[in-house]
Amino acid sequence: MRNKILKGLALLLTLTSPILHALPDDQEKPIHITADTASINDKTGITTYKGKVVITQGSLLIEADYVDMYRGDEGVDKLIAKGAPAHFRQQPEINGAFSDAWGLHMVYMVNDQKLTITKQAKVVQAKDTFTGEKIIYDLDRSIVDAFGTNKGDPGESKGRVNMVIQPKKKGNTSQ
């Protein structure tokens, strides 16, 4: 029964979410990073940033207390961000609203265009809000999977996926 509910929620999120398609030229723009400290390991390709980390690339913004950046031959492959909470923001279309995500732990797989948010995961897009213990975005396919935990009593919101979906206004086709 739980799996059917989760599949239904994932389908609902997919149908109601035109989120997280980055602006087309975001990945072509330079990456800007500020932090209190940085430690670069050329052998592993991992750079660790600590303290008020801010990463921008086009419309992309990541704010965290701690970030590990993994670089490969093609450039940045993966970012792991931790914070209280960490914040991810991206604009899906020109002149469109930003999509925001928060969580204590985020993994952004750059080449796969997947963002996994765990521990107090929350997403706000336009006026809709999604929360759960884990949220996975497939940015290319606009698929969102949200998961609660097995903790909490049945019927309580603790440990469950929660969504607030605002009604579309009549006469307004832009939502």
N, C-alpha and C. Protein backbone atom coordinates (compact mmCIF):
# COMPACT_ATOMS: atom_id res chain seq x y z
N MET A 1 0.83 -1.19 0.00
CA MET A 1 0.00 0.00 0.00
C MET A 1 0.87 1.26 0.00
N ARG A 2 1.93 1.23 0.84
CA ARG A 2 2.81 2.39 0.92
C ARG A 2 3.46 2.69 -0.43
N ASN A 3 3.88 1.62 -1.14
CA ASN A 3 4.51 1.82 -2.45
C ASN A 3 3.54 2.44 -3.44
N LYS A 4 2.26 2.04 -3.41
CA LYS A 4 1.27 2.63 -4.30
C LYS A 4 1.08 4.11 -4.00
N ILE A 5 1.08 4.46 -2.72
CA ILE A 5 0.94 5.87 -2.33
C ILE A 5 2.14 6.66 -2.83
N LEU A 6 3.35 6.13 -2.63
CA LEU A 6 4.56 6.83 -3.07
C LEU A 6 4.58 6.99 -4.59
N LYS A 7 4.17 5.94 -5.32
CA LYS A 7 4.13 6.05 -6.78
C LYS A 7 3.10 7.09 -7.21
N GLY A 8 1.97 7.14 -6.53
CA GLY A 8 0.96 8.14 -6.83
C GLY A 8 1.45 9.54 -6.57
N LEU A 9 2.16 9.71 -5.45
CA LEU A 9 2.72 11.03 -5.13
C LEU A 9 3.77 11.43 -6.16
N ALA A 10 4.60 10.48 -6.56
CA ALA A 10 5.62 10.79 -7.56
C ALA A 10 4.97 11.20 -8.88
N LEU A 11 3.89 10.50 -9.27
CA LEU A 11 3.18 10.87 -10.48
C LEU A 11 2.58 12.26 -10.35
N LEU A 12 1.96 12.55 -9.20
CA LEU A 12 1.38 13.87 -8.97
C LEU A 12 2.45 14.95 -9.06
N LEU A 13 3.58 14.71 -8.44
CA LEU A 13 4.66 15.69 -8.49
C LEU A 13 5.16 15.88 -9.92
N THR A 14 5.24 14.80 -10.67
CA THR A 14 5.69 14.90 -12.05
C THR A 14 4.73 15.74 -12.88
N LEU A 15 3.44 15.53 -12.68
CA LEU A 15 2.45 16.25 -13.46
C LEU A 15 2.32 17.71 -13.07
N THR A 16 2.61 18.03 -11.80
CA THR A 16 2.43 19.41 -11.34
C THR A 16 3.73 20.18 -11.30
N SER A 17 4.83 19.59 -11.73
CA SER A 17 6.12 20.22 -11.54
C SER A 17 6.87 20.45 -12.83
N PRO A 18 6.87 21.68 -13.36
CA PRO A 18 7.72 21.97 -14.50
C PRO A 18 9.06 22.49 -14.00
N ILE A 19 9.63 21.85 -12.97
CA ILE A 19 10.74 22.47 -12.26
C ILE A 19 12.11 22.03 -12.75
N LEU A 20 13.04 22.83 -12.39
CA LEU A 20 14.45 22.57 -12.40
C LEU A 20 15.06 22.23 -13.75
N HIS A 21 14.45 22.62 -14.84
CA HIS A 21 15.19 22.65 -16.09
C HIS A 21 15.98 23.95 -16.03
N ALA A 22 17.26 23.84 -15.98
CA ALA A 22 18.10 25.03 -15.88
C ALA A 22 18.00 25.85 -17.15
N LEU A 23 18.34 27.11 -17.01
CA LEU A 23 18.45 27.93 -18.21
C LEU A 23 19.46 27.28 -19.15
N PRO A 24 19.21 27.33 -20.45
CA PRO A 24 20.04 26.59 -21.39
C PRO A 24 21.54 26.88 -21.31
N ASP A 25 21.90 28.11 -20.99
CA ASP A 25 23.33 28.45 -21.01
C ASP A 25 23.99 28.42 -19.63
N ASP A 26 23.28 27.98 -18.58
CA ASP A 26 23.88 27.95 -17.24
C ASP A 26 25.20 27.17 -17.20
N GLN A 27 25.23 25.98 -17.81
CA GLN A 27 26.43 25.16 -17.73
C GLN A 27 27.58 25.69 -18.58
N GLU A 28 27.30 26.65 -19.42
CA GLU A 28 28.34 27.26 -20.24
C GLU A 28 28.99 28.45 -19.54
N LYS A 29 28.43 28.88 -18.44
CA LYS A 29 28.94 30.05 -17.72
C LYS A 29 30.00 29.63 -16.70
N PRO A 30 30.89 30.56 -16.32
CA PRO A 30 31.91 30.23 -15.33
C PRO A 30 31.30 29.99 -13.95
N ILE A 31 31.99 29.20 -13.16
CA ILE A 31 31.58 28.91 -11.79
C ILE A 31 32.31 29.87 -10.88
N HIS A 32 31.57 30.57 -10.02
CA HIS A 32 32.16 31.48 -9.03
C HIS A 32 31.93 30.89 -7.65
N ILE A 33 33.01 30.88 -6.83
CA ILE A 33 32.93 30.27 -5.50
C ILE A 33 33.58 31.20 -4.49
N THR A 34 32.87 31.39 -3.37
CA THR A 34 33.47 32.08 -2.23
C THR A 34 33.26 31.20 -1.01
N ALA A 35 34.23 31.24 -0.11
CA ALA A 35 34.18 30.44 1.12
C ALA A 35 35.21 30.99 2.09
N ASP A 36 35.11 30.57 3.34
CA ASP A 36 36.11 30.98 4.33
C ASP A 36 37.44 30.27 4.08
N THR A 37 37.37 28.97 3.70
CA THR A 37 38.60 28.22 3.40
C THR A 37 38.36 27.29 2.22
N ALA A 38 39.45 26.94 1.53
CA ALA A 38 39.40 25.97 0.44
C ALA A 38 40.63 25.09 0.52
N SER A 39 40.43 23.79 0.29
CA SER A 39 41.52 22.83 0.27
C SER A 39 41.42 22.02 -1.01
N ILE A 40 42.45 22.14 -1.86
CA ILE A 40 42.44 21.51 -3.17
C ILE A 40 43.37 20.32 -3.16
N ASN A 41 42.85 19.15 -3.59
CA ASN A 41 43.67 17.94 -3.70
C ASN A 41 43.73 17.58 -5.19
N ASP A 42 44.85 17.91 -5.85
CA ASP A 42 44.98 17.66 -7.28
C ASP A 42 44.98 16.17 -7.62
N LYS A 43 45.44 15.33 -6.70
CA LYS A 43 45.48 13.89 -6.98
C LYS A 43 44.08 13.29 -7.03
N THR A 44 43.21 13.68 -6.13
CA THR A 44 41.86 13.11 -6.09
C THR A 44 40.87 13.92 -6.93
N GLY A 45 41.19 15.17 -7.21
CA GLY A 45 40.27 16.04 -7.94
C GLY A 45 39.17 16.61 -7.06
N ILE A 46 39.35 16.50 -5.74
CA ILE A 46 38.34 16.99 -4.80
C ILE A 46 38.81 18.29 -4.16
N THR A 47 37.95 19.29 -4.21
CA THR A 47 38.21 20.54 -3.51
C THR A 47 37.15 20.67 -2.43
N THR A 48 37.58 20.96 -1.21
CA THR A 48 36.67 21.12 -0.08
C THR A 48 36.62 22.59 0.31
N TYR A 49 35.40 23.11 0.35
CA TYR A 49 35.16 24.50 0.75
C TYR A 49 34.42 24.47 2.07
N LYS A 50 34.84 25.37 2.99
CA LYS A 50 34.19 25.43 4.31
C LYS A 50 33.88 26.87 4.67
N GLY A 51 32.77 27.06 5.37
CA GLY A 51 32.43 28.36 5.92
C GLY A 51 31.75 29.29 4.96
N LYS A 52 30.45 29.43 5.08
CA LYS A 52 29.67 30.37 4.25
C LYS A 52 29.98 30.21 2.76
N VAL A 53 29.89 28.98 2.28
CA VAL A 53 30.20 28.68 0.88
C VAL A 53 29.06 29.19 -0.01
N VAL A 54 29.44 29.91 -1.05
CA VAL A 54 28.47 30.38 -2.05
C VAL A 54 29.03 30.03 -3.42
N ILE A 55 28.25 29.25 -4.19
CA ILE A 55 28.63 28.84 -5.53
C ILE A 55 27.56 29.36 -6.49
N THR A 56 28.00 30.05 -7.54
CA THR A 56 27.05 30.51 -8.56
C THR A 56 27.57 30.10 -9.94
N GLN A 57 26.63 29.81 -10.81
CA GLN A 57 26.93 29.53 -12.21
C GLN A 57 25.66 29.86 -12.99
N GLY A 58 25.64 30.99 -13.65
CA GLY A 58 24.41 31.43 -14.31
C GLY A 58 23.33 31.64 -13.27
N SER A 59 22.17 31.00 -13.46
CA SER A 59 21.07 31.14 -12.49
C SER A 59 21.22 30.20 -11.30
N LEU A 60 22.18 29.27 -11.36
CA LEU A 60 22.39 28.31 -10.28
C LEU A 60 23.04 28.98 -9.08
N LEU A 61 22.52 28.67 -7.89
CA LEU A 61 23.09 29.15 -6.64
C LEU A 61 23.09 28.01 -5.65
N ILE A 62 24.22 27.78 -5.00
CA ILE A 62 24.31 26.82 -3.90
C ILE A 62 24.94 27.54 -2.73
N GLU A 63 24.27 27.48 -1.58
CA GLU A 63 24.79 28.06 -0.34
C GLU A 63 24.85 26.94 0.70
N ALA A 64 26.00 26.82 1.37
CA ALA A 64 26.17 25.74 2.33
C ALA A 64 27.27 26.10 3.33
N ASP A 65 27.34 25.30 4.37
CA ASP A 65 28.42 25.44 5.34
C ASP A 65 29.68 24.72 4.86
N TYR A 66 29.46 23.67 4.03
CA TYR A 66 30.54 22.78 3.62
C TYR A 66 30.21 22.23 2.24
N VAL A 67 31.16 22.25 1.32
CA VAL A 67 30.95 21.68 -0.02
C VAL A 67 32.20 20.92 -0.45
N ASP A 68 32.00 19.70 -0.94
CA ASP A 68 33.05 18.95 -1.64
C ASP A 68 32.72 19.02 -3.11
N MET A 69 33.67 19.51 -3.92
CA MET A 69 33.50 19.59 -5.37
C MET A 69 34.42 18.56 -6.01
N TYR A 70 33.83 17.66 -6.80
CA TYR A 70 34.56 16.60 -7.47
C TYR A 70 34.75 16.99 -8.93
N ARG A 71 36.02 17.03 -9.37
CA ARG A 71 36.32 17.41 -10.75
C ARG A 71 36.89 16.21 -11.49
N GLY A 72 36.45 16.04 -12.73
CA GLY A 72 36.97 15.00 -13.61
C GLY A 72 37.59 15.64 -14.83
N ASP A 73 37.85 14.84 -15.83
CA ASP A 73 38.46 15.34 -17.07
C ASP A 73 37.57 16.34 -17.79
N GLU A 74 36.25 16.21 -17.63
CA GLU A 74 35.30 17.07 -18.32
C GLU A 74 34.89 18.29 -17.51
N GLY A 75 35.41 18.43 -16.29
CA GLY A 75 35.04 19.54 -15.42
C GLY A 75 34.42 19.03 -14.14
N VAL A 76 33.50 19.79 -13.57
CA VAL A 76 32.89 19.42 -12.29
C VAL A 76 31.88 18.30 -12.55
N ASP A 77 32.04 17.18 -11.81
CA ASP A 77 31.16 16.02 -11.92
C ASP A 77 30.07 16.01 -10.85
N LYS A 78 30.47 16.37 -9.63
CA LYS A 78 29.56 16.21 -8.49
C LYS A 78 29.86 17.25 -7.43
N LEU A 79 28.80 17.70 -6.76
CA LEU A 79 28.92 18.58 -5.60
C LEU A 79 28.17 17.95 -4.45
N ILE A 80 28.80 17.90 -3.29
CA ILE A 80 28.13 17.45 -2.07
C ILE A 80 28.13 18.64 -1.13
N ALA A 81 26.92 19.09 -0.76
CA ALA A 81 26.77 20.28 0.09
C ALA A 81 26.10 19.89 1.39
N LYS A 82 26.61 20.46 2.48
CA LYS A 82 26.02 20.23 3.81
C LYS A 82 25.82 21.59 4.46
N GLY A 83 24.73 21.70 5.20
CA GLY A 83 24.46 22.97 5.87
C GLY A 83 23.34 22.82 6.86
N ALA A 84 23.00 23.91 7.45
CA ALA A 84 21.95 23.91 8.48
C ALA A 84 20.85 24.90 8.12
N PRO A 85 20.19 24.77 6.99
CA PRO A 85 20.36 23.80 5.91
C PRO A 85 21.18 24.37 4.76
N ALA A 86 21.53 23.48 3.81
CA ALA A 86 22.13 23.92 2.56
C ALA A 86 20.98 24.39 1.65
N HIS A 87 21.30 25.25 0.67
CA HIS A 87 20.28 25.84 -0.20
C HIS A 87 20.72 25.70 -1.65
N PHE A 88 19.78 25.27 -2.51
CA PHE A 88 20.00 25.15 -3.95
C PHE A 88 18.93 25.99 -4.63
N ARG A 89 19.32 26.80 -5.60
CA ARG A 89 18.35 27.63 -6.33
C ARG A 89 18.72 27.62 -7.79
N GLN A 90 17.68 27.55 -8.64
CA GLN A 90 17.92 27.62 -10.07
C GLN A 90 16.66 28.14 -10.76
N GLN A 91 16.88 28.87 -11.84
CA GLN A 91 15.77 29.43 -12.61
C GLN A 91 15.50 28.51 -13.79
N PRO A 92 14.29 27.92 -13.86
CA PRO A 92 14.03 26.97 -14.92
C PRO A 92 13.85 27.59 -16.31
N GLU A 93 13.37 28.81 -16.37
CA GLU A 93 13.18 29.44 -17.68
C GLU A 93 13.39 30.94 -17.56
N ILE A 94 13.74 31.56 -18.66
CA ILE A 94 13.97 33.00 -18.68
C ILE A 94 12.72 33.72 -18.19
N ASN A 95 12.91 34.67 -17.30
CA ASN A 95 11.83 35.44 -16.68
C ASN A 95 10.88 34.60 -15.83
N GLY A 96 11.23 33.34 -15.57
CA GLY A 96 10.40 32.48 -14.73
C GLY A 96 10.80 32.57 -13.27
N ALA A 97 9.95 32.04 -12.42
CA ALA A 97 10.24 32.01 -10.99
C ALA A 97 11.38 31.03 -10.71
N PHE A 98 12.11 31.28 -9.64
CA PHE A 98 13.17 30.39 -9.23
C PHE A 98 12.58 29.19 -8.50
N SER A 99 13.26 28.05 -8.62
CA SER A 99 12.94 26.88 -7.82
C SER A 99 14.00 26.81 -6.72
N ASP A 100 13.56 26.62 -5.48
CA ASP A 100 14.47 26.57 -4.34
C ASP A 100 14.36 25.23 -3.64
N ALA A 101 15.49 24.75 -3.14
CA ALA A 101 15.52 23.50 -2.39
C ALA A 101 16.43 23.69 -1.18
N TRP A 102 16.04 23.08 -0.06
CA TRP A 102 16.82 23.11 1.16
C TRP A 102 16.93 21.72 1.73
N GLY A 103 18.00 21.47 2.44
CA GLY A 103 18.18 20.20 3.14
C GLY A 103 19.51 20.22 3.86
N LEU A 104 19.66 19.31 4.82
CA LEU A 104 20.91 19.24 5.56
C LEU A 104 22.02 18.62 4.73
N HIS A 105 21.64 17.83 3.69
CA HIS A 105 22.63 17.16 2.84
C HIS A 105 22.11 17.14 1.41
N MET A 106 22.94 17.59 0.46
CA MET A 106 22.57 17.60 -0.95
C MET A 106 23.69 17.00 -1.79
N VAL A 107 23.31 16.22 -2.78
CA VAL A 107 24.26 15.69 -3.76
C VAL A 107 23.75 16.11 -5.13
N TYR A 108 24.56 16.88 -5.84
CA TYR A 108 24.20 17.35 -7.18
C TYR A 108 25.13 16.67 -8.17
N MET A 109 24.57 15.74 -8.97
CA MET A 109 25.33 15.05 -10.01
C MET A 109 25.19 15.87 -11.29
N VAL A 110 26.24 16.58 -11.63
CA VAL A 110 26.18 17.57 -12.69
C VAL A 110 25.89 16.94 -14.05
N ASN A 111 26.63 15.90 -14.43
CA ASN A 111 26.46 15.28 -15.75
C ASN A 111 25.10 14.60 -15.90
N ASP A 112 24.60 13.99 -14.83
CA ASP A 112 23.30 13.32 -14.85
C ASP A 112 22.15 14.28 -14.60
N GLN A 113 22.47 15.51 -14.17
CA GLN A 113 21.46 16.52 -13.84
C GLN A 113 20.46 15.99 -12.81
N LYS A 114 21.00 15.41 -11.71
CA LYS A 114 20.17 14.91 -10.62
C LYS A 114 20.60 15.57 -9.32
N LEU A 115 19.60 15.99 -8.56
CA LEU A 115 19.82 16.59 -7.25
C LEU A 115 19.10 15.74 -6.23
N THR A 116 19.85 15.23 -5.25
CA THR A 116 19.27 14.44 -4.17
C THR A 116 19.42 15.23 -2.88
N ILE A 117 18.28 15.49 -2.24
CA ILE A 117 18.25 16.25 -0.99
C ILE A 117 17.79 15.30 0.11
N THR A 118 18.55 15.22 1.19
CA THR A 118 18.16 14.36 2.30
C THR A 118 18.22 15.14 3.61
N LYS A 119 17.51 14.62 4.57
CA LYS A 119 17.45 15.19 5.91
C LYS A 119 16.80 16.57 5.87
N GLN A 120 15.53 16.60 6.18
CA GLN A 120 14.74 17.84 6.21
C GLN A 120 14.64 18.48 4.83
N ALA A 121 14.38 17.66 3.83
CA ALA A 121 14.31 18.13 2.45
C ALA A 121 13.06 18.97 2.24
N LYS A 122 13.23 20.08 1.52
CA LYS A 122 12.12 20.97 1.22
C LYS A 122 12.37 21.62 -0.14
N VAL A 123 11.28 21.72 -0.92
CA VAL A 123 11.35 22.37 -2.22
C VAL A 123 10.19 23.36 -2.31
N VAL A 124 10.50 24.56 -2.80
CA VAL A 124 9.47 25.56 -3.05
C VAL A 124 9.63 25.99 -4.50
N GLN A 125 8.54 25.86 -5.25
CA GLN A 125 8.53 26.33 -6.63
C GLN A 125 7.24 27.08 -6.84
N ALA A 126 7.38 28.28 -7.35
CA ALA A 126 6.24 29.20 -7.42
C ALA A 126 5.67 29.28 -6.00
N LYS A 127 4.42 28.89 -5.80
CA LYS A 127 3.85 28.93 -4.44
C LYS A 127 3.60 27.54 -3.89
N ASP A 128 4.08 26.50 -4.58
CA ASP A 128 3.90 25.12 -4.14
C ASP A 128 5.09 24.70 -3.28
N THR A 129 4.80 23.88 -2.25
CA THR A 129 5.83 23.43 -1.32
C THR A 129 5.78 21.92 -1.18
N PHE A 130 6.95 21.30 -1.19
CA PHE A 130 7.08 19.86 -1.01
C PHE A 130 8.10 19.62 0.10
N THR A 131 7.78 18.76 1.05
CA THR A 131 8.73 18.41 2.10
C THR A 131 8.75 16.90 2.30
N GLY A 132 9.86 16.40 2.75
CA GLY A 132 10.03 14.98 3.04
C GLY A 132 11.41 14.75 3.58
N GLU A 133 11.70 13.52 3.89
CA GLU A 133 13.04 13.21 4.40
C GLU A 133 14.04 13.11 3.25
N LYS A 134 13.53 12.80 2.03
CA LYS A 134 14.41 12.68 0.86
C LYS A 134 13.63 13.10 -0.38
N ILE A 135 14.25 13.93 -1.20
CA ILE A 135 13.66 14.34 -2.47
C ILE A 135 14.73 14.19 -3.54
N ILE A 136 14.37 13.54 -4.64
CA ILE A 136 15.29 13.35 -5.76
C ILE A 136 14.70 14.03 -6.98
N TYR A 137 15.50 14.92 -7.61
CA TYR A 137 15.09 15.59 -8.84
C TYR A 137 15.88 15.03 -10.00
N ASP A 138 15.20 14.73 -11.07
CA ASP A 138 15.84 14.48 -12.35
C ASP A 138 15.59 15.76 -13.14
N LEU A 139 16.56 16.64 -13.19
CA LEU A 139 16.38 17.96 -13.78
C LEU A 139 16.08 17.89 -15.27
N ASP A 140 16.71 16.97 -15.99
CA ASP A 140 16.49 16.86 -17.43
C ASP A 140 15.08 16.40 -17.77
N ARG A 141 14.56 15.46 -17.00
CA ARG A 141 13.26 14.88 -17.31
C ARG A 141 12.12 15.49 -16.50
N SER A 142 12.42 16.44 -15.62
CA SER A 142 11.42 17.09 -14.76
C SER A 142 10.63 16.07 -13.94
N ILE A 143 11.37 15.12 -13.36
CA ILE A 143 10.73 14.11 -12.50
C ILE A 143 11.19 14.34 -11.08
N VAL A 144 10.23 14.38 -10.15
CA VAL A 144 10.51 14.57 -8.75
C VAL A 144 10.00 13.35 -7.99
N ASP A 145 10.85 12.75 -7.19
CA ASP A 145 10.44 11.68 -6.29
C ASP A 145 10.67 12.16 -4.87
N ALA A 146 9.63 12.09 -4.04
CA ALA A 146 9.73 12.53 -2.64
C ALA A 146 9.41 11.35 -1.74
N PHE A 147 10.16 11.23 -0.64
CA PHE A 147 10.02 10.11 0.27
C PHE A 147 9.95 10.60 1.70
N GLY A 148 9.10 9.98 2.49
CA GLY A 148 9.07 10.22 3.93
C GLY A 148 9.94 9.18 4.60
N THR A 149 9.77 9.01 5.88
CA THR A 149 10.47 7.96 6.61
C THR A 149 9.43 7.02 7.17
N ASN A 150 9.86 5.93 7.72
CA ASN A 150 8.94 5.00 8.35
C ASN A 150 8.65 5.39 9.79
N LYS A 151 9.18 6.50 10.24
CA LYS A 151 8.97 6.95 11.61
C LYS A 151 7.64 7.68 11.71
N GLY A 152 7.11 7.74 12.88
CA GLY A 152 5.86 8.48 13.09
C GLY A 152 4.67 7.54 13.09
N ASP A 153 3.61 7.94 13.71
CA ASP A 153 2.39 7.15 13.78
C ASP A 153 1.57 7.34 12.51
N PRO A 154 0.82 6.31 12.12
CA PRO A 154 -0.05 6.48 10.95
C PRO A 154 -1.01 7.65 11.17
N GLY A 155 -1.22 8.41 10.14
CA GLY A 155 -2.13 9.55 10.25
C GLY A 155 -1.44 10.84 10.67
N GLU A 156 -0.21 10.76 11.14
CA GLU A 156 0.53 11.97 11.51
C GLU A 156 1.35 12.43 10.32
N SER A 157 1.66 13.71 10.28
CA SER A 157 2.46 14.23 9.17
C SER A 157 3.94 13.95 9.37
N LYS A 158 4.37 13.65 10.59
CA LYS A 158 5.79 13.39 10.84
C LYS A 158 6.21 12.13 10.09
N GLY A 159 7.31 12.22 9.38
CA GLY A 159 7.83 11.08 8.66
C GLY A 159 7.17 10.84 7.32
N ARG A 160 6.32 11.74 6.89
CA ARG A 160 5.60 11.56 5.63
C ARG A 160 5.96 12.67 4.66
N VAL A 161 5.63 12.46 3.40
CA VAL A 161 5.79 13.49 2.39
C VAL A 161 4.62 14.45 2.55
N ASN A 162 4.90 15.74 2.52
CA ASN A 162 3.86 16.75 2.63
C ASN A 162 3.95 17.68 1.44
N MET A 163 2.78 18.01 0.87
CA MET A 163 2.74 18.90 -0.28
C MET A 163 1.65 19.94 -0.06
N VAL A 164 1.93 21.15 -0.49
CA VAL A 164 0.93 22.20 -0.54
C VAL A 164 0.93 22.70 -1.98
N ILE A 165 -0.14 22.42 -2.70
CA ILE A 165 -0.25 22.78 -4.10
C ILE A 165 -1.32 23.87 -4.19
N GLN A 166 -0.94 25.01 -4.70
CA GLN A 166 -1.86 26.14 -4.81
C GLN A 166 -2.75 25.95 -6.03
N PRO A 167 -4.01 26.36 -5.94
CA PRO A 167 -4.89 26.24 -7.10
C PRO A 167 -4.45 27.21 -8.19
N LYS A 168 -4.70 26.81 -9.42
CA LYS A 168 -4.42 27.71 -10.55
C LYS A 168 -5.52 28.74 -10.59
N LYS A 169 -5.14 29.96 -10.86
CA LYS A 169 -6.12 31.05 -10.95
C LYS A 169 -6.79 31.01 -12.30
N LYS A 170 -8.08 31.20 -12.29
CA LYS A 170 -8.84 31.21 -13.55
C LYS A 170 -8.39 32.38 -14.42
N GLY A 171 -8.28 32.11 -15.70
CA GLY A 171 -7.89 33.16 -16.64
C GLY A 171 -6.40 33.37 -16.70
N ASN A 172 -5.60 32.64 -15.89
CA ASN A 172 -4.16 32.80 -15.89
C ASN A 172 -3.54 31.50 -16.34
N THR A 173 -3.06 31.42 -17.56
CA THR A 173 -2.48 30.19 -18.10
C THR A 173 -0.99 30.09 -17.87
N SER A 174 -0.40 31.07 -17.18
CA SER A 174 1.06 31.05 -16.98
C SER A 174 1.45 30.21 -15.78
N GLN A 175 0.51 29.72 -14.99
CA GLN A 175 0.86 28.89 -13.83
C GLN A 175 0.72 27.43 -14.14
